[in-house]
Amino acid sequence: MASNVFPIASVAFLAVALCPAAGSVLEHGLAGLRRLGKVTWTAFGAYALAFAGFLATQGL
């Protein structure tokens, strides 16, 4: 059951992180990454943790 939660959570966090990041990069180029807020960087971190949790439940 827990192994099903991690991929769903990682996709949700990635979507939350990528929406503002893509808009900022399209608007300002790569310099736009410096303008991202704490929520976006937190979502990227949560994605990384959720994906790591998914990999851990796969027995790798």
C-alpha atoms as a PDB file:
ATOM      1  CA  MET A   1       0.000   0.000   0.000  1.00  0.00           C
ATOM      2  CA  ALA A   2       2.732   2.476   0.910  1.00  0.00           C
ATOM      3  CA  SER A   3       4.502   1.769  -2.367  1.00  0.00           C
ATOM      4  CA  ASN A   4       1.426   3.099  -4.205  1.00  0.00           C
ATOM      5  CA  VAL A   5       1.369   6.354  -2.256  1.00  0.00           C
ATOM      6  CA  PHE A   6       4.934   7.425  -3.042  1.00  0.00           C
ATOM      7  CA  PRO A   7       4.615   7.600  -6.861  1.00  0.00           C
ATOM      8  CA  ILE A   8       1.322   9.477  -6.613  1.00  0.00           C
ATOM      9  CA  ALA A   9       2.782  11.937  -4.122  1.00  0.00           C
ATOM     10  CA  SER A  10       5.931  12.420  -6.176  1.00  0.00           C
ATOM     11  CA  VAL A  11       3.929  13.224  -9.319  1.00  0.00           C
ATOM     12  CA  ALA A  12       1.754  15.683  -7.398  1.00  0.00           C
ATOM     13  CA  PHE A  13       4.746  17.456  -5.859  1.00  0.00           C
ATOM     14  CA  LEU A  14       6.518  17.539  -9.222  1.00  0.00           C
ATOM     15  CA  ALA A  15       3.477  19.136 -10.858  1.00  0.00           C
ATOM     16  CA  VAL A  16       3.297  21.770  -8.113  1.00  0.00           C
ATOM     17  CA  ALA A  17       6.999  22.522  -8.577  1.00  0.00           C
ATOM     18  CA  LEU A  18       7.131  22.508 -12.364  1.00  0.00           C
ATOM     19  CA  CYS A  19       4.197  24.824 -13.068  1.00  0.00           C
ATOM     20  CA  PRO A  20       5.755  27.988 -11.596  1.00  0.00           C
ATOM     21  CA  ALA A  21       9.257  26.934 -12.636  1.00  0.00           C
ATOM     22  CA  ALA A  22       8.263  26.505 -16.278  1.00  0.00           C
ATOM     23  CA  GLY A  23       6.477  29.851 -16.322  1.00  0.00           C
ATOM     24  CA  SER A  24       9.423  31.618 -14.764  1.00  0.00           C
ATOM     25  CA  VAL A  25      11.941  30.069 -17.154  1.00  0.00           C
ATOM     26  CA  LEU A  26       9.771  30.823 -20.181  1.00  0.00           C
ATOM     27  CA  GLU A  27       9.423  34.419 -19.040  1.00  0.00           C
ATOM     28  CA  HIS A  28      12.974  35.140 -17.863  1.00  0.00           C
ATOM     29  CA  GLY A  29      15.176  32.363 -19.260  1.00  0.00           C
ATOM     30  CA  LEU A  30      17.430  30.386 -16.936  1.00  0.00           C
ATOM     31  CA  ALA A  31      17.834  33.484 -14.763  1.00  0.00           C
ATOM     32  CA  GLY A  32      14.192  32.901 -13.833  1.00  0.00           C
ATOM     33  CA  LEU A  33      15.233  29.947 -11.662  1.00  0.00           C
ATOM     34  CA  ARG A  34      16.690  32.408  -9.169  1.00  0.00           C
ATOM     35  CA  ARG A  35      13.268  34.035  -8.863  1.00  0.00           C
ATOM     36  CA  LEU A  36      11.448  30.912  -7.750  1.00  0.00           C
ATOM     37  CA  GLY A  37       9.831  31.093  -4.347  1.00  0.00           C
ATOM     38  CA  LYS A  38      10.297  28.905  -1.308  1.00  0.00           C
ATOM     39  CA  VAL A  39       7.129  26.944  -2.053  1.00  0.00           C
ATOM     40  CA  THR A  40       8.497  25.810  -5.418  1.00  0.00           C
ATOM     41  CA  TRP A  41      11.844  24.746  -3.961  1.00  0.00           C
ATOM     42  CA  THR A  42      10.019  22.981  -1.117  1.00  0.00           C
ATOM     43  CA  ALA A  43       7.899  21.117  -3.673  1.00  0.00           C
ATOM     44  CA  PHE A  44      11.065  20.030  -5.514  1.00  0.00           C
ATOM     45  CA  GLY A  45      12.467  18.755  -2.209  1.00  0.00           C
ATOM     46  CA  ALA A  46       9.244  16.936  -1.373  1.00  0.00           C
ATOM     47  CA  TYR A  47       9.317  15.360  -4.834  1.00  0.00           C
ATOM     48  CA  ALA A  48      12.859  14.126  -4.258  1.00  0.00           C
ATOM     49  CA  LEU A  49      11.913  12.640  -0.882  1.00  0.00           C
ATOM     50  CA  ALA A  50       8.762  10.989  -2.242  1.00  0.00           C
ATOM     51  CA  PHE A  51      10.680   9.513  -5.169  1.00  0.00           C
ATOM     52  CA  ALA A  52      13.384   8.250  -2.821  1.00  0.00           C
ATOM     53  CA  GLY A  53      10.655   6.679  -0.678  1.00  0.00           C
ATOM     54  CA  PHE A  54       9.229   5.007  -3.760  1.00  0.00           C
ATOM     55  CA  LEU A  55      12.629   3.581  -4.670  1.00  0.00           C
ATOM     56  CA  ALA A  56      13.132   2.383  -1.092  1.00  0.00           C
ATOM     57  CA  THR A  57       9.848   0.455  -1.173  1.00  0.00           C
ATOM     58  CA  GLN A  58      10.874  -1.287  -4.401  1.00  0.00           C
ATOM     59  CA  GLY A  59      13.691  -3.142  -2.687  1.00  0.00           C
ATOM     60  CA  LEU A  60      16.455  -1.595  -4.765  1.00  0.00           C
END
